[in-house]
C-alpha atoms as a PDB file:
ATOM      1  CA  MET A   1       0.000   0.000   0.000  1.00  0.00           C
ATOM      2  CA  LYS A   2       1.497   3.302  -1.094  1.00  0.00           C
ATOM      3  CA  ALA A   3       1.407   6.174   1.427  1.00  0.00           C
ATOM      4  CA  ILE A   4       0.671   9.678   0.103  1.00  0.00           C
ATOM      5  CA  ALA A   5       0.697  12.762   2.341  1.00  0.00           C
ATOM      6  CA  SER A   6       0.893  15.835   0.053  1.00  0.00           C
ATOM      7  CA  ARG A   7      -1.939  17.793  -1.503  1.00  0.00           C
ATOM      8  CA  GLU A   8       0.400  18.510  -4.396  1.00  0.00           C
ATOM      9  CA  ASN A   9       0.535  14.875  -5.400  1.00  0.00           C
ATOM     10  CA  PRO A  10      -1.040  14.440  -8.884  1.00  0.00           C
ATOM     11  CA  LEU A  11      -3.313  11.630  -7.651  1.00  0.00           C
ATOM     12  CA  VAL A  12      -4.611  13.806  -4.819  1.00  0.00           C
ATOM     13  CA  LYS A  13      -5.349  16.628  -7.241  1.00  0.00           C
ATOM     14  CA  ARG A  14      -7.160  14.249  -9.586  1.00  0.00           C
ATOM     15  CA  LEU A  15      -9.267  12.704  -6.829  1.00  0.00           C
ATOM     16  CA  HIS A  16     -10.200  16.130  -5.461  1.00  0.00           C
ATOM     17  CA  ALA A  17     -11.332  17.150  -8.948  1.00  0.00           C
ATOM     18  CA  LEU A  18     -13.321  13.945  -9.453  1.00  0.00           C
ATOM     19  CA  ALA A  19     -15.103  14.464  -6.143  1.00  0.00           C
ATOM     20  CA  GLY A  20     -16.435  17.895  -6.997  1.00  0.00           C
ATOM     21  CA  SER A  21     -16.623  18.390 -10.760  1.00  0.00           C
ATOM     22  CA  ALA A  22     -18.802  16.701 -13.376  1.00  0.00           C
ATOM     23  CA  ARG A  23     -16.529  18.176 -16.048  1.00  0.00           C
ATOM     24  CA  GLU A  24     -13.466  16.538 -14.499  1.00  0.00           C
ATOM     25  CA  ARG A  25     -15.279  13.207 -14.219  1.00  0.00           C
ATOM     26  CA  ARG A  26     -16.116  13.364 -17.926  1.00  0.00           C
ATOM     27  CA  LYS A  27     -12.576  14.497 -18.762  1.00  0.00           C
ATOM     28  CA  HIS A  28     -10.945  11.579 -16.942  1.00  0.00           C
ATOM     29  CA  GLY A  29     -13.768   9.100 -17.559  1.00  0.00           C
ATOM     30  CA  GLU A  30     -13.740   8.218 -13.864  1.00  0.00           C
ATOM     31  CA  THR A  31     -15.793   8.595 -10.710  1.00  0.00           C
ATOM     32  CA  LEU A  32     -15.553   7.688  -7.013  1.00  0.00           C
ATOM     33  CA  LEU A  33     -17.328   5.125  -4.869  1.00  0.00           C
ATOM     34  CA  ASP A  34     -17.401   6.414  -1.313  1.00  0.00           C
ATOM     35  CA  GLY A  35     -17.881   4.092   1.616  1.00  0.00           C
ATOM     36  CA  ALA A  36     -17.741   0.443   2.602  1.00  0.00           C
ATOM     37  CA  HIS A  37     -21.308  -0.342   1.517  1.00  0.00           C
ATOM     38  CA  LEU A  38     -20.753   0.873  -2.053  1.00  0.00           C
ATOM     39  CA  LEU A  39     -17.440  -0.919  -2.341  1.00  0.00           C
ATOM     40  CA  ASP A  40     -19.009  -4.123  -1.030  1.00  0.00           C
ATOM     41  CA  ALA A  41     -21.818  -3.824  -3.618  1.00  0.00           C
ATOM     42  CA  ALA A  42     -19.271  -3.283  -6.403  1.00  0.00           C
ATOM     43  CA  LEU A  43     -17.276  -6.325  -5.335  1.00  0.00           C
ATOM     44  CA  GLN A  44     -20.385  -8.495  -5.168  1.00  0.00           C
ATOM     45  CA  ARG A  45     -21.247  -7.479  -8.746  1.00  0.00           C
ATOM     46  CA  ARG A  46     -17.614  -7.946  -9.843  1.00  0.00           C
ATOM     47  CA  TRP A  47     -17.500  -4.308 -10.943  1.00  0.00           C
ATOM     48  CA  PRO A  48     -13.987  -3.421 -12.155  1.00  0.00           C
ATOM     49  CA  LEU A  49     -12.041  -1.171  -9.781  1.00  0.00           C
ATOM     50  CA  LYS A  50      -9.076   1.033 -10.720  1.00  0.00           C
ATOM     51  CA  GLY A  51      -7.760   1.992  -7.297  1.00  0.00           C
ATOM     52  CA  LEU A  52      -8.494   2.084  -3.578  1.00  0.00           C
ATOM     53  CA  VAL A  53      -7.821   4.910  -1.139  1.00  0.00           C
ATOM     54  CA  VAL A  54      -7.940   4.358   2.608  1.00  0.00           C
ATOM     55  CA  ALA A  55      -7.706   6.847   5.450  1.00  0.00           C
ATOM     56  CA  GLU A  56      -5.213   6.044   8.196  1.00  0.00           C
ATOM     57  CA  SER A  57      -8.037   5.731  10.713  1.00  0.00           C
ATOM     58  CA  GLY A  58      -9.913   3.460   8.326  1.00  0.00           C
ATOM     59  CA  LEU A  59      -7.201   0.834   8.614  1.00  0.00           C
ATOM     60  CA  ALA A  60      -8.395   0.162  12.163  1.00  0.00           C
ATOM     61  CA  SER A  61     -11.822  -0.909  10.864  1.00  0.00           C
ATOM     62  CA  ALA A  62     -12.398  -4.647  10.569  1.00  0.00           C
ATOM     63  CA  GLU A  63     -14.973  -4.003   7.839  1.00  0.00           C
ATOM     64  CA  ILE A  64     -12.481  -2.040   5.753  1.00  0.00           C
ATOM     65  CA  GLN A  65      -9.766  -4.627   6.309  1.00  0.00           C
ATOM     66  CA  ASP A  66     -12.155  -7.311   5.063  1.00  0.00           C
ATOM     67  CA  LEU A  67     -12.943  -5.275   1.939  1.00  0.00           C
ATOM     68  CA  LEU A  68      -9.244  -4.733   1.222  1.00  0.00           C
ATOM     69  CA  ALA A  69      -8.658  -8.472   1.508  1.00  0.00           C
ATOM     70  CA  ARG A  70     -11.453  -9.154  -1.007  1.00  0.00           C
ATOM     71  CA  CYS A  71     -10.092  -6.721  -3.604  1.00  0.00           C
ATOM     72  CA  PRO A  72      -7.852  -8.104  -6.356  1.00  0.00           C
ATOM     73  CA  ALA A  73      -4.200  -7.720  -5.408  1.00  0.00           C
ATOM     74  CA  GLU A  74      -3.288  -5.985  -8.673  1.00  0.00           C
ATOM     75  CA  ILE A  75      -5.507  -2.958  -7.894  1.00  0.00           C
ATOM     76  CA  PRO A  76      -3.367  -0.060  -6.580  1.00  0.00           C
ATOM     77  CA  HIS A  77      -3.898   0.717  -2.880  1.00  0.00           C
ATOM     78  CA  TYR A  78      -3.175   4.140  -1.374  1.00  0.00           C
ATOM     79  CA  GLN A  79      -3.078   5.280   2.235  1.00  0.00           C
ATOM     80  CA  PHE A  80      -3.872   8.939   3.065  1.00  0.00           C
ATOM     81  CA  PRO A  81      -3.692  10.794   6.382  1.00  0.00           C
ATOM     82  CA  ASP A  82      -7.210  11.514   7.650  1.00  0.00           C
ATOM     83  CA  ALA A  83      -7.036  15.218   6.815  1.00  0.00           C
ATOM     84  CA  LEU A  84      -5.940  14.501   3.255  1.00  0.00           C
ATOM     85  CA  PHE A  85      -8.640  11.854   2.864  1.00  0.00           C
ATOM     86  CA  ALA A  86     -11.234  14.415   4.001  1.00  0.00           C
ATOM     87  CA  HIS A  87      -9.850  16.810   1.378  1.00  0.00           C
ATOM     88  CA  ILE A  88     -10.560  14.387  -1.478  1.00  0.00           C
ATOM     89  CA  SER A  89     -13.739  12.837  -0.060  1.00  0.00           C
ATOM     90  CA  PRO A  90     -16.932  13.680  -2.015  1.00  0.00           C
ATOM     91  CA  VAL A  91     -19.045  13.709   1.164  1.00  0.00           C
ATOM     92  CA  ASP A  92     -19.113  15.855   4.282  1.00  0.00           C
ATOM     93  CA  THR A  93     -18.512  12.937   6.631  1.00  0.00           C
ATOM     94  CA  PRO A  94     -15.665  10.842   5.167  1.00  0.00           C
ATOM     95  CA  SER A  95     -16.164   7.098   5.390  1.00  0.00           C
ATOM     96  CA  GLY A  96     -12.520   6.025   5.510  1.00  0.00           C
ATOM     97  CA  ILE A  97     -12.404   4.210   2.180  1.00  0.00           C
ATOM     98  CA  LEU A  98     -13.192   4.987  -1.451  1.00  0.00           C
ATOM     99  CA  ALA A  99     -12.609   3.373  -4.807  1.00  0.00           C
ATOM    100  CA  ILE A 100     -11.873   4.770  -8.245  1.00  0.00           C
ATOM    101  CA  ILE A 101     -13.877   3.328 -11.138  1.00  0.00           C
ATOM    102  CA  ASP A 102     -14.275   4.114 -14.818  1.00  0.00           C
ATOM    103  CA  LEU A 103     -17.502   5.766 -15.889  1.00  0.00           C
ATOM    104  CA  PRO A 104     -19.458   3.000 -17.614  1.00  0.00           C
ATOM    105  CA  ALA A 105     -19.951   3.087 -21.352  1.00  0.00           C
ATOM    106  CA  GLU A 106     -23.358   4.181 -22.576  1.00  0.00           C
ATOM    107  CA  PRO A 107     -25.573   1.085 -22.927  1.00  0.00           C
ATOM    108  CA  ALA A 108     -26.239   0.040 -26.500  1.00  0.00           C
ATOM    109  CA  PRO A 109     -29.619   1.198 -27.837  1.00  0.00           C
ATOM    110  CA  GLU A 110     -32.245  -1.489 -27.601  1.00  0.00           C
ATOM    111  CA  LYS A 111     -35.983  -1.740 -28.056  1.00  0.00           C
ATOM    112  CA  LEU A 112     -37.742  -1.293 -24.729  1.00  0.00           C
ATOM    113  CA  ALA A 113     -40.366  -3.868 -23.902  1.00  0.00           C
ATOM    114  CA  GLY A 114     -40.302  -4.200 -20.111  1.00  0.00           C
ATOM    115  CA  ASP A 115     -40.875  -1.640 -17.385  1.00  0.00           C
ATOM    116  CA  VAL A 116     -38.933   1.603 -17.711  1.00  0.00           C
ATOM    117  CA  ILE A 117     -38.651   4.810 -15.687  1.00  0.00           C
ATOM    118  CA  VAL A 118     -38.075   8.142 -17.408  1.00  0.00           C
ATOM    119  CA  LEU A 119     -36.806  10.983 -15.214  1.00  0.00           C
ATOM    120  CA  ASP A 120     -37.157  14.470 -16.623  1.00  0.00           C
ATOM    121  CA  ALA A 121     -34.686  17.046 -15.250  1.00  0.00           C
ATOM    122  CA  VAL A 122     -34.451  15.542 -11.752  1.00  0.00           C
ATOM    123  CA  GLN A 123     -31.507  17.541 -10.456  1.00  0.00           C
ATOM    124  CA  ASP A 124     -31.221  16.683  -6.771  1.00  0.00           C
ATOM    125  CA  PRO A 125     -28.530  13.991  -6.282  1.00  0.00           C
ATOM    126  CA  GLY A 126     -30.243  12.550  -3.214  1.00  0.00           C
ATOM    127  CA  ASN A 127     -33.561  12.210  -5.028  1.00  0.00           C
ATOM    128  CA  LEU A 128     -31.957  10.657  -8.087  1.00  0.00           C
ATOM    129  CA  GLY A 129     -29.958   8.122  -6.089  1.00  0.00           C
ATOM    130  CA  THR A 130     -33.014   7.213  -4.015  1.00  0.00           C
ATOM    131  CA  ILE A 131     -35.080   6.707  -7.177  1.00  0.00           C
ATOM    132  CA  LEU A 132     -32.440   4.401  -8.635  1.00  0.00           C
ATOM    133  CA  ARG A 133     -32.398   2.384  -5.430  1.00  0.00           C
ATOM    134  CA  THR A 134     -36.206   2.183  -5.480  1.00  0.00           C
ATOM    135  CA  ALA A 135     -36.230   1.070  -9.120  1.00  0.00           C
ATOM    136  CA  ALA A 136     -33.813  -1.746  -8.362  1.00  0.00           C
ATOM    137  CA  ALA A 137     -35.829  -2.794  -5.309  1.00  0.00           C
ATOM    138  CA  ALA A 138     -39.035  -2.869  -7.367  1.00  0.00           C
ATOM    139  CA  GLY A 139     -37.432  -4.937 -10.115  1.00  0.00           C
ATOM    140  CA  VAL A 140     -37.320  -2.185 -12.747  1.00  0.00           C
ATOM    141  CA  ARG A 141     -34.057  -2.393 -14.696  1.00  0.00           C
ATOM    142  CA  ASP A 142     -34.261   0.352 -17.337  1.00  0.00           C
ATOM    143  CA  VAL A 143     -33.918   3.996 -16.275  1.00  0.00           C
ATOM    144  CA  LEU A 144     -33.764   6.849 -18.788  1.00  0.00           C
ATOM    145  CA  LEU A 145     -32.543  10.310 -17.770  1.00  0.00           C
ATOM    146  CA  THR A 146     -33.306  13.315 -19.923  1.00  0.00           C
ATOM    147  CA  GLU A 147     -30.971  16.236 -20.452  1.00  0.00           C
ATOM    148  CA  GLY A 148     -30.921  18.335 -17.288  1.00  0.00           C
ATOM    149  CA  CYS A 149     -30.880  15.455 -14.801  1.00  0.00           C
ATOM    150  CA  ALA A 150     -28.088  15.182 -12.265  1.00  0.00           C
ATOM    151  CA  GLY A 151     -25.235  12.917 -13.359  1.00  0.00           C
ATOM    152  CA  ALA A 152     -26.208   9.371 -12.475  1.00  0.00           C
ATOM    153  CA  TRP A 153     -22.602   8.382 -11.710  1.00  0.00           C
ATOM    154  CA  SER A 154     -21.668  11.357  -9.554  1.00  0.00           C
ATOM    155  CA  PRO A 155     -20.339  10.351  -6.113  1.00  0.00           C
ATOM    156  CA  ARG A 156     -23.352  11.770  -4.273  1.00  0.00           C
ATOM    157  CA  VAL A 157     -25.876   9.998  -6.509  1.00  0.00           C
ATOM    158  CA  LEU A 158     -23.886   6.773  -6.188  1.00  0.00           C
ATOM    159  CA  ARG A 159     -23.889   7.094  -2.408  1.00  0.00           C
ATOM    160  CA  ALA A 160     -27.664   7.669  -2.314  1.00  0.00           C
ATOM    161  CA  GLY A 161     -28.174   4.728  -4.668  1.00  0.00           C
ATOM    162  CA  MET A 162     -26.440   2.382  -2.201  1.00  0.00           C
ATOM    163  CA  GLY A 163     -25.205   0.021  -4.923  1.00  0.00           C
ATOM    164  CA  ALA A 164     -28.362  -0.033  -7.061  1.00  0.00           C
ATOM    165  CA  HIS A 165     -26.432   1.343 -10.052  1.00  0.00           C
ATOM    166  CA  PHE A 166     -24.602  -1.938 -10.537  1.00  0.00           C
ATOM    167  CA  GLY A 167     -27.826  -3.811 -11.361  1.00  0.00           C
ATOM    168  CA  LEU A 168     -29.518  -1.205 -13.561  1.00  0.00           C
ATOM    169  CA  CYS A 169     -29.335  -0.181 -17.200  1.00  0.00           C
ATOM    170  CA  ILE A 170     -29.030   3.611 -16.929  1.00  0.00           C
ATOM    171  CA  ARG A 171     -29.064   5.798 -20.023  1.00  0.00           C
ATOM    172  CA  GLU A 172     -28.310   9.498 -19.672  1.00  0.00           C
ATOM    173  CA  ARG A 173     -29.124  12.548 -21.829  1.00  0.00           C
ATOM    174  CA  VAL A 174     -31.846  10.561 -23.577  1.00  0.00           C
ATOM    175  CA  ASP A 175     -34.332  11.933 -26.106  1.00  0.00           C
ATOM    176  CA  ALA A 176     -37.287  10.281 -24.395  1.00  0.00           C
ATOM    177  CA  LEU A 177     -39.735  11.227 -27.149  1.00  0.00           C
ATOM    178  CA  GLN A 178     -37.679   9.295 -29.673  1.00  0.00           C
ATOM    179  CA  VAL A 179     -37.009   6.309 -27.437  1.00  0.00           C
ATOM    180  CA  LEU A 180     -40.628   5.864 -26.327  1.00  0.00           C
ATOM    181  CA  TRP A 181     -42.504   6.597 -29.547  1.00  0.00           C
ATOM    182  CA  ASP A 182     -43.171   2.883 -30.207  1.00  0.00           C
ATOM    183  CA  PHE A 183     -43.234   1.627 -26.619  1.00  0.00           C
ATOM    184  CA  PRO A 184     -45.696  -1.301 -26.631  1.00  0.00           C
ATOM    185  CA  GLY A 185     -47.263  -0.704 -23.227  1.00  0.00           C
ATOM    186  CA  PRO A 186     -48.959   2.166 -21.402  1.00  0.00           C
ATOM    187  CA  VAL A 187     -46.992   5.376 -20.855  1.00  0.00           C
ATOM    188  CA  LEU A 188     -47.934   6.713 -17.434  1.00  0.00           C
ATOM    189  CA  ALA A 189     -47.226  10.290 -16.325  1.00  0.00           C
ATOM    190  CA  THR A 190     -47.665  11.523 -12.779  1.00  0.00           C
ATOM    191  CA  ALA A 191     -49.423  14.869 -13.147  1.00  0.00           C
ATOM    192  CA  LEU A 192     -51.805  17.097 -11.227  1.00  0.00           C
ATOM    193  CA  THR A 193     -54.192  17.581 -14.145  1.00  0.00           C
ATOM    194  CA  SER A 194     -57.983  17.470 -14.273  1.00  0.00           C
ATOM    195  CA  ASP A 195     -57.975  14.336 -16.456  1.00  0.00           C
ATOM    196  CA  ALA A 196     -55.605  12.359 -14.204  1.00  0.00           C
ATOM    197  CA  ARG A 197     -56.903   9.119 -12.732  1.00  0.00           C
ATOM    198  CA  GLU A 198     -56.072   7.945  -9.239  1.00  0.00           C
ATOM    199  CA  LEU A 199     -53.194   5.486  -9.098  1.00  0.00           C
ATOM    200  CA  TYR A 200     -55.208   2.801  -7.323  1.00  0.00           C
ATOM    201  CA  ASP A 201     -57.867   2.792 -10.073  1.00  0.00           C
ATOM    202  CA  ILE A 202     -55.382   1.959 -12.847  1.00  0.00           C
ATOM    203  CA  GLU A 203     -54.538  -1.589 -13.914  1.00  0.00           C
ATOM    204  CA  LEU A 204     -50.747  -1.953 -13.734  1.00  0.00           C
ATOM    205  CA  CYS A 205     -50.048  -5.569 -14.625  1.00  0.00           C
ATOM    206  CA  ARG A 206     -48.695  -4.839 -18.124  1.00  0.00           C
ATOM    207  CA  PRO A 207     -45.137  -3.557 -18.653  1.00  0.00           C
ATOM    208  CA  ALA A 208     -45.262   0.230 -18.404  1.00  0.00           C
ATOM    209  CA  ALA A 209     -43.176   3.320 -18.983  1.00  0.00           C
ATOM    210  CA  TRP A 210     -43.361   5.725 -16.051  1.00  0.00           C
ATOM    211  CA  LEU A 211     -42.661   9.440 -16.545  1.00  0.00           C
ATOM    212  CA  PHE A 212     -41.618  11.544 -13.555  1.00  0.00           C
ATOM    213  CA  GLY A 213     -40.648  15.210 -13.535  1.00  0.00           C
ATOM    214  CA  ALA A 214     -38.717  17.245 -11.014  1.00  0.00           C
ATOM    215  CA  GLU A 215     -40.343  19.151  -8.185  1.00  0.00           C
ATOM    216  CA  GLY A 216     -41.506  22.581  -9.229  1.00  0.00           C
ATOM    217  CA  GLN A 217     -41.673  22.419 -13.015  1.00  0.00           C
ATOM    218  CA  GLY A 218     -42.864  18.807 -13.296  1.00  0.00           C
ATOM    219  CA  LEU A 219     -42.759  17.076 -16.663  1.00  0.00           C
ATOM    220  CA  SER A 220     -42.013  19.038 -19.815  1.00  0.00           C
ATOM    221  CA  PRO A 221     -45.146  19.620 -21.946  1.00  0.00           C
ATOM    222  CA  SER A 222     -43.798  17.426 -24.752  1.00  0.00           C
ATOM    223  CA  LEU A 223     -43.239  14.462 -22.436  1.00  0.00           C
ATOM    224  CA  LEU A 224     -46.573  14.952 -20.718  1.00  0.00           C
ATOM    225  CA  ALA A 225     -48.262  14.886 -24.148  1.00  0.00           C
ATOM    226  CA  LEU A 226     -46.632  11.499 -24.800  1.00  0.00           C
ATOM    227  CA  ALA A 227     -48.478   9.867 -21.905  1.00  0.00           C
ATOM    228  CA  THR A 228     -51.344   7.525 -22.656  1.00  0.00           C
ATOM    229  CA  GLU A 229     -52.537   7.879 -19.075  1.00  0.00           C
ATOM    230  CA  ARG A 230     -52.110  10.621 -16.500  1.00  0.00           C
ATOM    231  CA  VAL A 231     -51.854   9.470 -12.923  1.00  0.00           C
ATOM    232  CA  VAL A 232     -52.387  11.190  -9.590  1.00  0.00           C
ATOM    233  CA  ILE A 233     -51.479   9.753  -6.190  1.00  0.00           C
ATOM    234  CA  PRO A 234     -54.310  10.439  -3.734  1.00  0.00           C
ATOM    235  CA  ILE A 235     -52.972  12.299  -0.704  1.00  0.00           C
ATOM    236  CA  ALA A 236     -54.415  14.331   2.169  1.00  0.00           C
ATOM    237  CA  ASP A 237     -55.957  17.681   1.219  1.00  0.00           C
ATOM    238  CA  SER A 238     -53.500  19.547   3.436  1.00  0.00           C
ATOM    239  CA  ILE A 239     -50.518  18.352   1.333  1.00  0.00           C
ATOM    240  CA  GLU A 240     -49.917  19.779  -2.136  1.00  0.00           C
ATOM    241  CA  SER A 241     -47.699  17.045  -3.577  1.00  0.00           C
ATOM    242  CA  LEU A 242     -45.127  14.355  -2.840  1.00  0.00           C
ATOM    243  CA  ASN A 243     -41.386  14.504  -3.254  1.00  0.00           C
ATOM    244  CA  VAL A 244     -40.518  12.886  -6.601  1.00  0.00           C
ATOM    245  CA  ALA A 245     -38.568  10.066  -4.960  1.00  0.00           C
ATOM    246  CA  ALA A 246     -41.558   9.276  -2.731  1.00  0.00           C
ATOM    247  CA  ALA A 247     -43.907   9.399  -5.732  1.00  0.00           C
ATOM    248  CA  VAL A 248     -41.739   6.914  -7.628  1.00  0.00           C
ATOM    249  CA  ALA A 249     -41.763   4.536  -4.666  1.00  0.00           C
ATOM    250  CA  VAL A 250     -45.550   4.694  -4.274  1.00  0.00           C
ATOM    251  CA  CYS A 251     -46.167   4.063  -7.986  1.00  0.00           C
ATOM    252  CA  LEU A 252     -43.663   1.253  -8.455  1.00  0.00           C
ATOM    253  CA  PHE A 253     -44.730  -0.647  -5.370  1.00  0.00           C
ATOM    254  CA  GLU A 254     -48.428  -0.284  -6.204  1.00  0.00           C
ATOM    255  CA  GLN A 255     -47.498  -1.829  -9.544  1.00  0.00           C
ATOM    256  CA  ALA A 256     -45.580  -4.598  -7.760  1.00  0.00           C
ATOM    257  CA  ARG A 257     -48.517  -5.187  -5.388  1.00  0.00           C
ATOM    258  CA  GLN A 258     -51.000  -5.548  -8.238  1.00  0.00           C
ATOM    259  CA  ARG A 259     -48.762  -8.008 -10.057  1.00  0.00           C
ATOM    260  CA  ARG A 260     -48.239 -10.061  -6.941  1.00  0.00           C
ATOM    261  CA  MET A 261     -51.983 -10.216  -6.365  1.00  0.00           C
ATOM    262  CA  SER A 262     -52.521 -11.200 -10.001  1.00  0.00           C
ATOM    263  CA  ASN A 263     -49.902 -13.949  -9.813  1.00  0.00           C
ATOM    264  CA  THR A 264     -51.367 -15.251  -6.560  1.00  0.00           C
ATOM    265  CA  SER A 265     -54.822 -15.345  -8.147  1.00  0.00           C
ATOM    266  CA  HIS A 266     -53.538 -17.224 -11.181  1.00  0.00           C
ATOM    267  CA  SER A 267     -51.701 -19.731  -8.988  1.00  0.00           C
ATOM    268  CA  SER A 268     -54.824 -20.308  -6.924  1.00  0.00           C
ATOM    269  CA  ARG A 269     -56.939 -21.010 -10.010  1.00  0.00           C
ATOM    270  CA  LYS A 270     -54.350 -23.499 -11.328  1.00  0.00           C
ATOM    271  CA  GLY A 271     -54.493 -25.356  -8.041  1.00  0.00           C
ATOM    272  CA  ASP A 272     -58.282 -25.750  -8.101  1.00  0.00           C
END
């Protein structure tokens, strides 16, 4: 393990830039995984790592020692003093370990037939990461991000996603109108419009494309016009709307509930 103690070291400068700048991440084609949980998720998925950085205090952690032992020996390991690690950490409370990975290549275009989520200009990293985690938990693999969304592979979005990225097909800066024009299932948009139907009155057993916009502006008019069904989540009169991450969770797990009930019903009829 190589010890580095100077802020003037080229690696330190590069890591500091990766932590705080989307431009630098695109320039180098790299990003950072911060924390033991993310590194563990990457190792479980056999995600290729380029380097590991550990804080001096992190070496006292049994969890971090276990992760280091699981990492391939050929991956460079670096040890930083705690203050230097805090300098390059992408989060306010440094975890003690981070990994360097390449930004993944854009997935090859393919015809969408299963469930898909389209996020329109969702800019908050915490919301975006939470949505990705929810999608993975609900069994939705395809996520499309329009221009204006936060970078899916930024350190803060990765941290909020808690490893969900490694099991999803994420496409960024997508022209959703072009991609969805021949989608074979319903296109559902959450919208507070007079023609919207309540979520619990809609049949959700078919593969669907879900459209979600950011708080404030909501979906762009062109995307909203693409919807075959507009959906509203019934909430108490005293509340104007839900956070977009909460709305995604409600919709996807209502869909999952309906499908589970449908499968249970089919299984029961087969057993009669």
